[in-house]
Amino acid sequence: MEYIINSVMNVVVPPASMVMMAFAWPTLSVLRAAEWAVRTFFLEDMENKVVLITGASSAVGEQIAYEYARRKANLVLVARREHRLFGIRENARILGARQVLVIAADVVKEDDCRRFVSDTISYFGELNHLVNTASLGHSFYFEDALDTSIFPHLMDINFWGNVYPTYAALPYLRQSRGRVVVNASIESWLPMPRMGLYAAAKAAVINFYDTLRYEVKDDVGITLATHGWIGGDMSRGKFMLEEGSEMQWREEREGSFTSGHVVEFARMMVAGACRGDSYVKYPTWYDIFLLYRVFVPDVLGWTFRLLLSSPGPRRHALLPDTNSGGSRPLLEGPLVRKPASTSPRKAERES
C-alpha cells in the first residue's frame, strides 16, 4: 500500500506543485517586496549596540567591521591574526565605532569561544549581533590530496567555527533578541570542481542554521549570506600541513585584496542583518541555478562539464615539505597564526 501511495505521489505532486507555484509566485513577490520596503524603513539602529565578529582579520570580516562602525556600533573583533586586528580597530574607530575590543582566539576551540563571548559580556553587558565570517577555502581536486589530515581542518574551520561561537553566544542573544549573521557560499548547493570539501562544510552550515531558525523561533534572528566568487583571502595566503597536523602559513601580498565585490557583499550583508532578512544573496542571479539543479539537474551538469572542462593534464598544487623533502597539497585561504591569550581590557589599554 505504501508503495502505491508513493508511486501516485511521485506522479501527481511535482506537476501540481509547479502549477501552484506559478499561480502563487506573483502574489508572493508583491508581498515580499512590501515586506522588504517596511523593513527597510524600520532598520535596526545599531548605535551603541554590541557586535561580535569572528574571522575579523579576513577580507570579508574586515569590511563587515567597517560597515558596523559606520552605524556607530561597539565592536568585538576576534581572529587568530591579532596583529592585523589592531589596524582594523583604528580604521573602525575613524569610521565611527564607539568602542572596539580585540581578542585573539581560535573559533574551532570551544573554550576559546566561551572565553571571547564571556569577555564581551563582562565588558559590555550584552551582545546584539554575532557575525561569523571565519572561513577557509581550498583549490585542489579531491583525489589529488596526498595527505587526508587536512580534511578535518577544513570541516573544523568552516563548520565548527560557526557552531561553537553560536552555541556560546545564544543565551545572550536570546536576552537581547539579537541576531546571528553567517557568511556562507553558493557552493553549498552549486557544485564547483576543486572545492568539494569546502562545499560540503558550507552545506552543513546552511542546514544547521536553517534548522536552528525553527528552534529559536523569533527569539533570535538568523541571517544567512551566500555569495559567489568575490575574491578576498583565497588570493591572499596559502597554507600547508606539516608534521603534527600544524598549519603553517605563507602570506603572499600581491596588490590590493579589498576588492569592490567584497565591499559590496559586506554592505549587503550588514544591511540585510539590520533589516531582519533571513537570506542575503550576492549576486542574486545565481538563484536560477538552484531551479536548474532541482528540476533539470542533467542540464546543469552538462553545462558545468562544458564550461569547466580543462584540456590537458591536471597540475597538482603542491608546496615543498622541508621536513621530509616531499610535497604536500596546497590549500588557499586566510592567514592563520596560533592564538594568544589577550583579554579585551588589556587590548583596549594597549591602544
C-alpha atoms as a PDB file:
ATOM      1  CA  MET A   1       0.000   0.000   0.000  1.00  0.00           C
ATOM      2  CA  GLU A   2       2.785   2.398   0.879  1.00  0.00           C
ATOM      3  CA  TYR A   3       4.446   1.665  -2.460  1.00  0.00           C
ATOM      4  CA  ILE A   4       1.230   2.537  -4.319  1.00  0.00           C
ATOM      5  CA  ILE A   5       0.800   5.807  -2.404  1.00  0.00           C
ATOM      6  CA  ASN A   6       4.372   6.874  -3.099  1.00  0.00           C
ATOM      7  CA  SER A   7       4.046   5.957  -6.769  1.00  0.00           C
ATOM      8  CA  VAL A   8       0.924   8.110  -7.104  1.00  0.00           C
ATOM      9  CA  MET A   9       2.522  10.995  -5.218  1.00  0.00           C
ATOM     10  CA  ASN A  10       5.596  10.814  -7.443  1.00  0.00           C
ATOM     11  CA  VAL A  11       3.396  11.416 -10.459  1.00  0.00           C
ATOM     12  CA  VAL A  12       0.945  13.947  -9.007  1.00  0.00           C
ATOM     13  CA  VAL A  13       2.918  16.138  -6.588  1.00  0.00           C
ATOM     14  CA  PRO A  14       5.654  17.613  -8.863  1.00  0.00           C
ATOM     15  CA  PRO A  15       3.357  19.000 -11.620  1.00  0.00           C
ATOM     16  CA  ALA A  16       0.702  20.067  -9.093  1.00  0.00           C
ATOM     17  CA  SER A  17       3.321  21.919  -7.069  1.00  0.00           C
ATOM     18  CA  MET A  18       4.660  23.719 -10.141  1.00  0.00           C
ATOM     19  CA  VAL A  19       1.152  24.837 -11.095  1.00  0.00           C
ATOM     20  CA  MET A  20       0.546  26.132  -7.564  1.00  0.00           C
ATOM     21  CA  MET A  21       3.875  27.974  -7.612  1.00  0.00           C
ATOM     22  CA  ALA A  22       3.074  29.556 -10.959  1.00  0.00           C
ATOM     23  CA  PHE A  23      -0.161  30.995  -9.563  1.00  0.00           C
ATOM     24  CA  ALA A  24       1.272  31.953  -6.181  1.00  0.00           C
ATOM     25  CA  TRP A  25       4.546  33.486  -7.403  1.00  0.00           C
ATOM     26  CA  PRO A  26       3.185  36.935  -8.417  1.00  0.00           C
ATOM     27  CA  THR A  27       1.341  37.361  -5.123  1.00  0.00           C
ATOM     28  CA  LEU A  28       4.308  36.173  -3.075  1.00  0.00           C
ATOM     29  CA  SER A  29       6.606  38.540  -4.971  1.00  0.00           C
ATOM     30  CA  VAL A  30       4.377  41.524  -4.193  1.00  0.00           C
ATOM     31  CA  LEU A  31       4.161  40.542  -0.520  1.00  0.00           C
ATOM     32  CA  ARG A  32       7.921  40.064  -0.305  1.00  0.00           C
ATOM     33  CA  ALA A  33       8.553  43.462  -1.904  1.00  0.00           C
ATOM     34  CA  ALA A  34       6.143  45.119   0.540  1.00  0.00           C
ATOM     35  CA  GLU A  35       7.802  43.377   3.489  1.00  0.00           C
ATOM     36  CA  TRP A  36      11.241  44.466   2.253  1.00  0.00           C
ATOM     37  CA  ALA A  37      10.076  48.084   1.979  1.00  0.00           C
ATOM     38  CA  VAL A  38       8.663  48.090   5.509  1.00  0.00           C
ATOM     39  CA  ARG A  39      11.797  46.516   6.968  1.00  0.00           C
ATOM     40  CA  THR A  40      13.997  48.978   5.093  1.00  0.00           C
ATOM     41  CA  PHE A  41      12.065  51.855   6.608  1.00  0.00           C
ATOM     42  CA  PHE A  42      12.382  50.384  10.115  1.00  0.00           C
ATOM     43  CA  LEU A  43      16.050  49.341  10.032  1.00  0.00           C
ATOM     44  CA  GLU A  44      17.568  48.271  13.335  1.00  0.00           C
ATOM     45  CA  ASP A  45      19.513  51.125  14.879  1.00  0.00           C
ATOM     46  CA  MET A  46      22.944  49.730  15.723  1.00  0.00           C
ATOM     47  CA  GLU A  47      24.250  52.779  17.583  1.00  0.00           C
ATOM     48  CA  ASN A  48      25.875  51.685  20.859  1.00  0.00           C
ATOM     49  CA  LYS A  49      24.837  48.069  20.256  1.00  0.00           C
ATOM     50  CA  VAL A  50      27.410  45.287  20.573  1.00  0.00           C
ATOM     51  CA  VAL A  51      28.586  43.315  17.550  1.00  0.00           C
ATOM     52  CA  LEU A  52      30.984  40.371  17.849  1.00  0.00           C
ATOM     53  CA  ILE A  53      32.741  39.456  14.594  1.00  0.00           C
ATOM     54  CA  THR A  54      34.719  36.229  14.228  1.00  0.00           C
ATOM     55  CA  GLY A  55      37.270  35.971  11.455  1.00  0.00           C
ATOM     56  CA  ALA A  56      37.564  39.750  11.620  1.00  0.00           C
ATOM     57  CA  SER A  57      41.029  39.760  10.059  1.00  0.00           C
ATOM     58  CA  SER A  58      39.742  38.276   6.797  1.00  0.00           C
ATOM     59  CA  ALA A  59      38.799  40.479   3.856  1.00  0.00           C
ATOM     60  CA  VAL A  60      35.065  39.970   4.397  1.00  0.00           C
ATOM     61  CA  GLY A  61      35.306  40.231   8.194  1.00  0.00           C
ATOM     62  CA  GLU A  62      37.250  43.478   7.960  1.00  0.00           C
ATOM     63  CA  GLN A  63      34.736  45.122   5.641  1.00  0.00           C
ATOM     64  CA  ILE A  64      31.833  43.958   7.822  1.00  0.00           C
ATOM     65  CA  ALA A  65      33.535  45.593  10.807  1.00  0.00           C
ATOM     66  CA  TYR A  66      33.716  48.863   8.860  1.00  0.00           C
ATOM     67  CA  GLU A  67      30.038  48.665   7.909  1.00  0.00           C
ATOM     68  CA  TYR A  68      29.014  48.259  11.553  1.00  0.00           C
ATOM     69  CA  ALA A  69      31.438  51.031  12.507  1.00  0.00           C
ATOM     70  CA  ARG A  70      29.623  53.417  10.175  1.00  0.00           C
ATOM     71  CA  ARG A  71      26.472  52.553  12.113  1.00  0.00           C
ATOM     72  CA  LYS A  72      28.235  53.568  15.367  1.00  0.00           C
ATOM     73  CA  ALA A  73      28.178  50.110  16.943  1.00  0.00           C
ATOM     74  CA  ASN A  74      30.526  48.746  19.589  1.00  0.00           C
ATOM     75  CA  LEU A  75      32.741  46.094  18.035  1.00  0.00           C
ATOM     76  CA  VAL A  76      34.470  42.983  19.330  1.00  0.00           C
ATOM     77  CA  LEU A  77      36.976  41.740  16.750  1.00  0.00           C
ATOM     78  CA  VAL A  78      38.043  38.100  17.052  1.00  0.00           C
ATOM     79  CA  ALA A  79      40.718  36.355  14.995  1.00  0.00           C
ATOM     80  CA  ARG A  80      43.890  34.371  15.324  1.00  0.00           C
ATOM     81  CA  ARG A  81      45.756  37.115  13.436  1.00  0.00           C
ATOM     82  CA  GLU A  82      45.757  39.532  16.354  1.00  0.00           C
ATOM     83  CA  HIS A  83      48.380  41.821  14.833  1.00  0.00           C
ATOM     84  CA  ARG A  84      46.111  42.589  11.874  1.00  0.00           C
ATOM     85  CA  LEU A  85      43.200  43.446  14.152  1.00  0.00           C
ATOM     86  CA  PHE A  86      44.963  46.475  15.598  1.00  0.00           C
ATOM     87  CA  GLY A  87      44.934  48.290  12.266  1.00  0.00           C
ATOM     88  CA  ILE A  88      41.311  47.308  11.641  1.00  0.00           C
ATOM     89  CA  ARG A  89      40.417  48.610  15.096  1.00  0.00           C
ATOM     90  CA  GLU A  90      41.884  52.033  14.354  1.00  0.00           C
ATOM     91  CA  ASN A  91      40.122  52.242  10.997  1.00  0.00           C
ATOM     92  CA  ALA A  92      36.828  51.253  12.612  1.00  0.00           C
ATOM     93  CA  ARG A  93      37.185  53.994  15.211  1.00  0.00           C
ATOM     94  CA  ILE A  94      37.801  56.556  12.488  1.00  0.00           C
ATOM     95  CA  LEU A  95      34.643  55.409  10.706  1.00  0.00           C
ATOM     96  CA  GLY A  96      32.532  55.898  13.840  1.00  0.00           C
ATOM     97  CA  ALA A  97      32.694  52.796  16.013  1.00  0.00           C
ATOM     98  CA  ARG A  98      32.109  53.634  19.685  1.00  0.00           C
ATOM     99  CA  GLN A  99      34.411  51.097  21.331  1.00  0.00           C
ATOM    100  CA  VAL A 100      36.454  48.384  19.661  1.00  0.00           C
ATOM    101  CA  LEU A 101      37.919  45.396  21.512  1.00  0.00           C
ATOM    102  CA  VAL A 102      40.470  42.985  20.073  1.00  0.00           C
ATOM    103  CA  ILE A 103      40.548  39.357  21.209  1.00  0.00           C
ATOM    104  CA  ALA A 104      42.890  36.678  19.884  1.00  0.00           C
ATOM    105  CA  ALA A 105      41.075  33.348  19.762  1.00  0.00           C
ATOM    106  CA  ASP A 106      40.534  30.230  17.711  1.00  0.00           C
ATOM    107  CA  VAL A 107      36.915  29.611  16.701  1.00  0.00           C
ATOM    108  CA  VAL A 108      37.462  25.866  16.359  1.00  0.00           C
ATOM    109  CA  LYS A 109      38.220  25.624  20.085  1.00  0.00           C
ATOM    110  CA  GLU A 110      35.087  25.632  22.225  1.00  0.00           C
ATOM    111  CA  ASP A 111      36.914  27.022  25.257  1.00  0.00           C
ATOM    112  CA  ASP A 112      38.165  29.983  23.224  1.00  0.00           C
ATOM    113  CA  CYS A 113      34.638  30.663  22.001  1.00  0.00           C
ATOM    114  CA  ARG A 114      33.262  30.632  25.536  1.00  0.00           C
ATOM    115  CA  ARG A 115      36.081  32.946  26.585  1.00  0.00           C
ATOM    116  CA  PHE A 116      35.577  35.663  23.984  1.00  0.00           C
ATOM    117  CA  VAL A 117      31.800  35.611  24.446  1.00  0.00           C
ATOM    118  CA  SER A 118      32.250  35.831  28.221  1.00  0.00           C
ATOM    119  CA  ASP A 119      34.753  38.685  27.823  1.00  0.00           C
ATOM    120  CA  THR A 120      32.284  40.519  25.606  1.00  0.00           C
ATOM    121  CA  ILE A 121      29.501  40.209  28.162  1.00  0.00           C
ATOM    122  CA  SER A 122      31.826  41.196  31.011  1.00  0.00           C
ATOM    123  CA  TYR A 123      32.921  44.343  29.206  1.00  0.00           C
ATOM    124  CA  PHE A 124      29.695  45.496  27.541  1.00  0.00           C
ATOM    125  CA  GLY A 125      26.994  43.657  29.477  1.00  0.00           C
ATOM    126  CA  GLU A 126      25.183  42.447  26.350  1.00  0.00           C
ATOM    127  CA  LEU A 127      25.552  41.042  22.847  1.00  0.00           C
ATOM    128  CA  ASN A 128      23.295  42.061  19.973  1.00  0.00           C
ATOM    129  CA  HIS A 129      24.826  40.630  16.795  1.00  0.00           C
ATOM    130  CA  LEU A 130      27.150  37.661  16.347  1.00  0.00           C
ATOM    131  CA  VAL A 131      28.741  37.700  12.892  1.00  0.00           C
ATOM    132  CA  ASN A 132      30.520  34.501  11.855  1.00  0.00           C
ATOM    133  CA  THR A 133      32.879  35.130   8.946  1.00  0.00           C
ATOM    134  CA  ALA A 134      35.701  32.665   9.663  1.00  0.00           C
ATOM    135  CA  SER A 135      36.106  30.549   6.553  1.00  0.00           C
ATOM    136  CA  LEU A 136      38.750  28.527   4.744  1.00  0.00           C
ATOM    137  CA  GLY A 137      38.570  27.656   1.067  1.00  0.00           C
ATOM    138  CA  HIS A 138      40.707  25.321  -0.989  1.00  0.00           C
ATOM    139  CA  SER A 139      41.587  24.712  -4.600  1.00  0.00           C
ATOM    140  CA  PHE A 140      42.520  21.110  -5.300  1.00  0.00           C
ATOM    141  CA  TYR A 141      40.933  18.028  -6.786  1.00  0.00           C
ATOM    142  CA  PHE A 142      39.834  15.597  -4.105  1.00  0.00           C
ATOM    143  CA  GLU A 143      41.845  12.672  -5.446  1.00  0.00           C
ATOM    144  CA  ASP A 144      44.976  14.857  -5.679  1.00  0.00           C
ATOM    145  CA  ALA A 145      45.123  15.430  -1.919  1.00  0.00           C
ATOM    146  CA  LEU A 146      48.144  13.465  -0.714  1.00  0.00           C
ATOM    147  CA  ASP A 147      47.518  14.000   2.991  1.00  0.00           C
ATOM    148  CA  THR A 148      43.991  13.415   4.287  1.00  0.00           C
ATOM    149  CA  SER A 149      44.877  15.000   7.634  1.00  0.00           C
ATOM    150  CA  ILE A 150      43.943  18.354   6.063  1.00  0.00           C
ATOM    151  CA  PHE A 151      40.308  17.277   5.718  1.00  0.00           C
ATOM    152  CA  PRO A 152      39.278  17.705   9.382  1.00  0.00           C
ATOM    153  CA  HIS A 153      40.819  21.186   9.464  1.00  0.00           C
ATOM    154  CA  LEU A 154      38.576  22.312   6.615  1.00  0.00           C
ATOM    155  CA  MET A 155      35.499  20.989   8.406  1.00  0.00           C
ATOM    156  CA  ASP A 156      36.615  22.446  11.734  1.00  0.00           C
ATOM    157  CA  ILE A 157      37.014  25.982  10.432  1.00  0.00           C
ATOM    158  CA  ASN A 158      34.065  26.075   8.039  1.00  0.00           C
ATOM    159  CA  PHE A 159      31.528  24.222  10.200  1.00  0.00           C
ATOM    160  CA  TRP A 160      32.541  24.034  13.863  1.00  0.00           C
ATOM    161  CA  GLY A 161      33.986  27.524  13.551  1.00  0.00           C
ATOM    162  CA  ASN A 162      30.369  28.670  13.160  1.00  0.00           C
ATOM    163  CA  VAL A 163      28.714  26.256  15.573  1.00  0.00           C
ATOM    164  CA  TYR A 164      30.882  26.839  18.650  1.00  0.00           C
ATOM    165  CA  PRO A 165      30.600  30.658  18.725  1.00  0.00           C
ATOM    166  CA  THR A 166      26.848  30.385  18.138  1.00  0.00           C
ATOM    167  CA  TYR A 167      26.426  27.886  20.965  1.00  0.00           C
ATOM    168  CA  ALA A 168      28.347  30.103  23.380  1.00  0.00           C
ATOM    169  CA  ALA A 169      26.534  33.291  22.368  1.00  0.00           C
ATOM    170  CA  LEU A 170      22.975  32.000  22.013  1.00  0.00           C
ATOM    171  CA  PRO A 171      21.809  32.569  25.638  1.00  0.00           C
ATOM    172  CA  TYR A 172      22.908  36.214  25.480  1.00  0.00           C
ATOM    173  CA  LEU A 173      21.396  36.721  22.039  1.00  0.00           C
ATOM    174  CA  ARG A 174      18.092  35.441  23.421  1.00  0.00           C
ATOM    175  CA  GLN A 175      18.241  38.035  26.189  1.00  0.00           C
ATOM    176  CA  SER A 176      18.795  40.881  23.726  1.00  0.00           C
ATOM    177  CA  ARG A 177      16.603  39.349  20.995  1.00  0.00           C
ATOM    178  CA  GLY A 178      19.690  39.643  18.850  1.00  0.00           C
ATOM    179  CA  ARG A 179      20.825  38.096  15.596  1.00  0.00           C
ATOM    180  CA  VAL A 180      23.336  35.618  14.178  1.00  0.00           C
ATOM    181  CA  VAL A 181      24.818  36.606  10.820  1.00  0.00           C
ATOM    182  CA  VAL A 182      26.587  33.882   8.846  1.00  0.00           C
ATOM    183  CA  ASN A 183      28.982  34.081   5.915  1.00  0.00           C
ATOM    184  CA  ALA A 184      28.046  31.146   3.686  1.00  0.00           C
ATOM    185  CA  SER A 185      28.502  30.429  -0.007  1.00  0.00           C
ATOM    186  CA  ILE A 186      26.587  29.257  -3.075  1.00  0.00           C
ATOM    187  CA  GLU A 187      28.949  26.288  -3.229  1.00  0.00           C
ATOM    188  CA  SER A 188      26.666  24.790  -0.589  1.00  0.00           C
ATOM    189  CA  TRP A 189      24.266  23.854  -3.389  1.00  0.00           C
ATOM    190  CA  LEU A 190      26.089  24.744  -6.621  1.00  0.00           C
ATOM    191  CA  PRO A 191      28.794  22.123  -7.309  1.00  0.00           C
ATOM    192  CA  MET A 192      32.183  23.576  -8.189  1.00  0.00           C
ATOM    193  CA  PRO A 193      35.208  21.437  -9.058  1.00  0.00           C
ATOM    194  CA  ARG A 194      38.201  21.571  -6.684  1.00  0.00           C
ATOM    195  CA  MET A 195      36.006  22.834  -3.821  1.00  0.00           C
ATOM    196  CA  GLY A 196      34.282  19.639  -2.719  1.00  0.00           C
ATOM    197  CA  LEU A 197      35.196  19.679   0.975  1.00  0.00           C
ATOM    198  CA  TYR A 198      34.510  23.408   1.273  1.00  0.00           C
ATOM    199  CA  ALA A 199      31.113  22.951  -0.393  1.00  0.00           C
ATOM    200  CA  ALA A 200      30.221  20.073   1.929  1.00  0.00           C
ATOM    201  CA  ALA A 201      31.084  22.140   5.005  1.00  0.00           C
ATOM    202  CA  LYS A 202      29.077  25.132   3.774  1.00  0.00           C
ATOM    203  CA  ALA A 203      26.091  22.895   3.032  1.00  0.00           C
ATOM    204  CA  ALA A 204      26.284  21.648   6.613  1.00  0.00           C
ATOM    205  CA  VAL A 205      26.410  25.251   7.853  1.00  0.00           C
ATOM    206  CA  ILE A 206      23.306  26.301   5.948  1.00  0.00           C
ATOM    207  CA  ASN A 207      21.312  23.254   7.017  1.00  0.00           C
ATOM    208  CA  PHE A 208      22.385  23.745  10.617  1.00  0.00           C
ATOM    209  CA  TYR A 209      21.217  27.372  10.737  1.00  0.00           C
ATOM    210  CA  ASP A 210      18.006  26.704   8.807  1.00  0.00           C
ATOM    211  CA  THR A 211      17.180  24.101  11.452  1.00  0.00           C
ATOM    212  CA  LEU A 212      18.250  26.372  14.308  1.00  0.00           C
ATOM    213  CA  ARG A 213      15.980  29.082  12.934  1.00  0.00           C
ATOM    214  CA  TYR A 214      12.936  26.957  13.754  1.00  0.00           C
ATOM    215  CA  GLU A 215      14.276  26.050  17.177  1.00  0.00           C
ATOM    216  CA  VAL A 216      14.919  29.610  18.379  1.00  0.00           C
ATOM    217  CA  LYS A 217      11.776  30.936  16.644  1.00  0.00           C
ATOM    218  CA  ASP A 218      11.519  34.727  16.972  1.00  0.00           C
ATOM    219  CA  ASP A 219      13.817  34.998  19.983  1.00  0.00           C
ATOM    220  CA  VAL A 220      16.955  35.169  17.841  1.00  0.00           C
ATOM    221  CA  GLY A 221      17.142  36.230  14.213  1.00  0.00           C
ATOM    222  CA  ILE A 222      19.356  34.403  11.727  1.00  0.00           C
ATOM    223  CA  THR A 223      20.700  35.905   8.512  1.00  0.00           C
ATOM    224  CA  LEU A 224      22.401  33.575   6.035  1.00  0.00           C
ATOM    225  CA  ALA A 225      24.506  35.413   3.474  1.00  0.00           C
ATOM    226  CA  THR A 226      25.554  33.451   0.407  1.00  0.00           C
ATOM    227  CA  HIS A 227      27.928  34.745  -2.219  1.00  0.00           C
ATOM    228  CA  GLY A 228      29.530  33.712  -5.454  1.00  0.00           C
ATOM    229  CA  TRP A 229      33.178  34.348  -6.215  1.00  0.00           C
ATOM    230  CA  ILE A 230      34.121  37.654  -4.570  1.00  0.00           C
ATOM    231  CA  GLY A 231      37.876  37.287  -4.209  1.00  0.00           C
ATOM    232  CA  GLY A 232      39.316  38.086  -0.790  1.00  0.00           C
ATOM    233  CA  ASP A 233      41.622  35.773   1.125  1.00  0.00           C
ATOM    234  CA  MET A 234      41.542  32.991  -1.432  1.00  0.00           C
ATOM    235  CA  SER A 235      44.215  35.003  -3.246  1.00  0.00           C
ATOM    236  CA  ARG A 236      45.967  36.239  -0.157  1.00  0.00           C
ATOM    237  CA  GLY A 237      47.517  33.307   1.655  1.00  0.00           C
ATOM    238  CA  LYS A 238      48.314  29.655   1.354  1.00  0.00           C
ATOM    239  CA  PHE A 239      48.967  27.037   3.948  1.00  0.00           C
ATOM    240  CA  MET A 240      50.408  23.603   4.023  1.00  0.00           C
ATOM    241  CA  LEU A 241      50.193  20.847   6.581  1.00  0.00           C
ATOM    242  CA  GLU A 242      53.386  19.652   8.157  1.00  0.00           C
ATOM    243  CA  GLU A 243      54.257  17.136  10.853  1.00  0.00           C
ATOM    244  CA  GLY A 244      51.932  17.073  13.826  1.00  0.00           C
ATOM    245  CA  SER A 245      48.998  18.458  11.826  1.00  0.00           C
ATOM    246  CA  GLU A 246      50.191  22.008  12.430  1.00  0.00           C
ATOM    247  CA  MET A 247      49.097  24.592   9.879  1.00  0.00           C
ATOM    248  CA  GLN A 248      51.919  26.764   8.640  1.00  0.00           C
ATOM    249  CA  TRP A 249      51.090  29.855   6.620  1.00  0.00           C
ATOM    250  CA  ARG A 250      52.950  31.723   3.998  1.00  0.00           C
ATOM    251  CA  GLU A 251      51.468  35.094   3.200  1.00  0.00           C
ATOM    252  CA  GLU A 252      51.700  36.392  -0.326  1.00  0.00           C
ATOM    253  CA  ARG A 253      50.840  40.062  -0.646  1.00  0.00           C
ATOM    254  CA  GLU A 254      50.348  40.920  -4.288  1.00  0.00           C
ATOM    255  CA  GLY A 255      48.405  44.125  -4.599  1.00  0.00           C
ATOM    256  CA  SER A 256      45.085  45.085  -3.058  1.00  0.00           C
ATOM    257  CA  PHE A 257      42.814  42.363  -1.738  1.00  0.00           C
ATOM    258  CA  THR A 258      39.896  44.603  -0.727  1.00  0.00           C
ATOM    259  CA  SER A 259      38.006  44.357  -3.996  1.00  0.00           C
ATOM    260  CA  GLY A 260      34.774  46.145  -4.745  1.00  0.00           C
ATOM    261  CA  HIS A 261      32.936  42.829  -4.685  1.00  0.00           C
ATOM    262  CA  VAL A 262      33.991  42.155  -1.102  1.00  0.00           C
ATOM    263  CA  VAL A 263      32.965  45.672  -0.024  1.00  0.00           C
ATOM    264  CA  GLU A 264      29.588  45.346  -1.726  1.00  0.00           C
ATOM    265  CA  PHE A 265      28.929  41.919  -0.240  1.00  0.00           C
ATOM    266  CA  ALA A 266      29.774  43.188   3.255  1.00  0.00           C
ATOM    267  CA  ARG A 267      27.498  46.203   2.783  1.00  0.00           C
ATOM    268  CA  MET A 268      24.597  43.996   1.671  1.00  0.00           C
ATOM    269  CA  MET A 269      25.260  41.534   4.489  1.00  0.00           C
ATOM    270  CA  VAL A 270      25.099  44.174   7.240  1.00  0.00           C
ATOM    271  CA  ALA A 271      22.152  45.984   5.653  1.00  0.00           C
ATOM    272  CA  GLY A 272      20.263  42.692   5.398  1.00  0.00           C
ATOM    273  CA  ALA A 273      21.009  41.832   9.017  1.00  0.00           C
ATOM    274  CA  CYS A 274      19.780  45.235  10.213  1.00  0.00           C
ATOM    275  CA  ARG A 275      16.695  44.862   8.043  1.00  0.00           C
ATOM    276  CA  GLY A 276      15.994  41.445   9.566  1.00  0.00           C
ATOM    277  CA  ASP A 277      16.383  39.482   6.338  1.00  0.00           C
ATOM    278  CA  SER A 278      16.612  35.719   6.621  1.00  0.00           C
ATOM    279  CA  TYR A 279      18.770  35.472   3.496  1.00  0.00           C
ATOM    280  CA  VAL A 280      21.177  37.792   1.720  1.00  0.00           C
ATOM    281  CA  LYS A 281      22.399  36.755  -1.723  1.00  0.00           C
ATOM    282  CA  TYR A 282      25.162  38.273  -3.802  1.00  0.00           C
ATOM    283  CA  PRO A 283      24.683  38.325  -6.692  1.00  0.00           C
ATOM    284  CA  THR A 284      21.025  37.331  -6.814  1.00  0.00           C
ATOM    285  CA  TRP A 285      21.075  35.935 -10.350  1.00  0.00           C
ATOM    286  CA  TYR A 286      22.835  32.810  -9.053  1.00  0.00           C
ATOM    287  CA  ASP A 287      19.423  31.641  -7.789  1.00  0.00           C
ATOM    288  CA  ILE A 288      18.470  30.495 -11.267  1.00  0.00           C
ATOM    289  CA  PHE A 289      20.980  27.663 -10.969  1.00  0.00           C
ATOM    290  CA  LEU A 290      19.068  26.313  -7.980  1.00  0.00           C
ATOM    291  CA  LEU A 291      15.991  25.843 -10.158  1.00  0.00           C
ATOM    292  CA  TYR A 292      18.087  24.010 -12.719  1.00  0.00           C
ATOM    293  CA  ARG A 293      19.528  21.764 -10.035  1.00  0.00           C
ATOM    294  CA  VAL A 294      16.072  20.860  -8.703  1.00  0.00           C
ATOM    295  CA  PHE A 295      14.168  20.433 -11.966  1.00  0.00           C
ATOM    296  CA  VAL A 296      16.772  19.698 -14.668  1.00  0.00           C
ATOM    297  CA  PRO A 297      19.977  18.632 -12.907  1.00  0.00           C
ATOM    298  CA  ASP A 298      21.318  16.978 -16.051  1.00  0.00           C
ATOM    299  CA  VAL A 299      21.327  20.293 -17.914  1.00  0.00           C
ATOM    300  CA  LEU A 300      23.287  21.907 -15.088  1.00  0.00           C
ATOM    301  CA  GLY A 301      25.741  19.019 -15.108  1.00  0.00           C
ATOM    302  CA  TRP A 302      26.289  19.234 -18.866  1.00  0.00           C
ATOM    303  CA  THR A 303      26.787  22.990 -18.640  1.00  0.00           C
ATOM    304  CA  PHE A 304      29.440  22.741 -15.947  1.00  0.00           C
ATOM    305  CA  ARG A 305      31.254  19.946 -17.738  1.00  0.00           C
ATOM    306  CA  LEU A 306      31.388  22.127 -20.837  1.00  0.00           C
ATOM    307  CA  LEU A 307      32.394  25.365 -19.126  1.00  0.00           C
ATOM    308  CA  LEU A 308      34.793  23.959 -16.562  1.00  0.00           C
ATOM    309  CA  SER A 309      36.490  21.255 -18.554  1.00  0.00           C
ATOM    310  CA  SER A 310      40.214  21.879 -18.876  1.00  0.00           C
ATOM    311  CA  PRO A 311      42.123  20.129 -21.654  1.00  0.00           C
ATOM    312  CA  GLY A 312      45.478  18.603 -20.851  1.00  0.00           C
ATOM    313  CA  PRO A 313      46.841  17.039 -17.674  1.00  0.00           C
ATOM    314  CA  ARG A 314      45.941  18.439 -14.283  1.00  0.00           C
ATOM    315  CA  ARG A 315      48.621  20.143 -12.297  1.00  0.00           C
ATOM    316  CA  HIS A 316      48.955  19.372  -8.615  1.00  0.00           C
ATOM    317  CA  ALA A 317      49.006  22.358  -6.288  1.00  0.00           C
ATOM    318  CA  LEU A 318      51.871  21.488  -4.004  1.00  0.00           C
ATOM    319  CA  LEU A 319      54.345  23.134  -1.674  1.00  0.00           C
ATOM    320  CA  PRO A 320      57.624  21.542  -0.656  1.00  0.00           C
ATOM    321  CA  ASP A 321      57.699  19.941   2.771  1.00  0.00           C
ATOM    322  CA  THR A 322      61.092  20.953   4.129  1.00  0.00           C
ATOM    323  CA  ASN A 323      60.938  18.350   6.894  1.00  0.00           C
ATOM    324  CA  SER A 324      60.525  15.305   4.730  1.00  0.00           C
ATOM    325  CA  GLY A 325      61.818  16.511   1.378  1.00  0.00           C
ATOM    326  CA  GLY A 326      58.456  15.707  -0.198  1.00  0.00           C
ATOM    327  CA  SER A 327      55.431  17.798  -1.017  1.00  0.00           C
ATOM    328  CA  ARG A 328      52.015  18.409   0.470  1.00  0.00           C
ATOM    329  CA  PRO A 329      48.781  19.668  -1.109  1.00  0.00           C
ATOM    330  CA  LEU A 330      48.383  23.413  -1.093  1.00  0.00           C
ATOM    331  CA  LEU A 331      45.220  25.000   0.228  1.00  0.00           C
ATOM    332  CA  GLU A 332      44.199  28.565  -0.341  1.00  0.00           C
ATOM    333  CA  GLY A 333      42.649  30.580   2.467  1.00  0.00           C
ATOM    334  CA  PRO A 334      43.090  33.239   5.141  1.00  0.00           C
ATOM    335  CA  LEU A 335      46.300  33.618   7.064  1.00  0.00           C
ATOM    336  CA  VAL A 336      46.269  31.891  10.439  1.00  0.00           C
ATOM    337  CA  ARG A 337      48.565  32.025  13.411  1.00  0.00           C
ATOM    338  CA  LYS A 338      48.447  30.425  16.842  1.00  0.00           C
ATOM    339  CA  PRO A 339      46.093  32.201  19.255  1.00  0.00           C
ATOM    340  CA  ALA A 340      47.478  34.314  22.061  1.00  0.00           C
ATOM    341  CA  SER A 341      45.830  34.871  25.397  1.00  0.00           C
ATOM    342  CA  THR A 342      44.742  38.512  25.403  1.00  0.00           C
ATOM    343  CA  SER A 343      41.909  39.968  27.443  1.00  0.00           C
ATOM    344  CA  PRO A 344      39.741  42.710  25.909  1.00  0.00           C
ATOM    345  CA  ARG A 345      40.622  45.193  28.645  1.00  0.00           C
ATOM    346  CA  LYS A 346      44.336  44.647  28.032  1.00  0.00           C
ATOM    347  CA  ALA A 347      43.858  45.101  24.308  1.00  0.00           C
ATOM    348  CA  GLU A 348      41.961  48.311  24.954  1.00  0.00           C
ATOM    349  CA  ARG A 349      44.740  49.654  27.173  1.00  0.00           C
ATOM    350  CA  GLU A 350      47.362  48.895  24.530  1.00  0.00           C
ATOM    351  CA  SER A 351      45.538  51.168  22.110  1.00  0.00           C
END
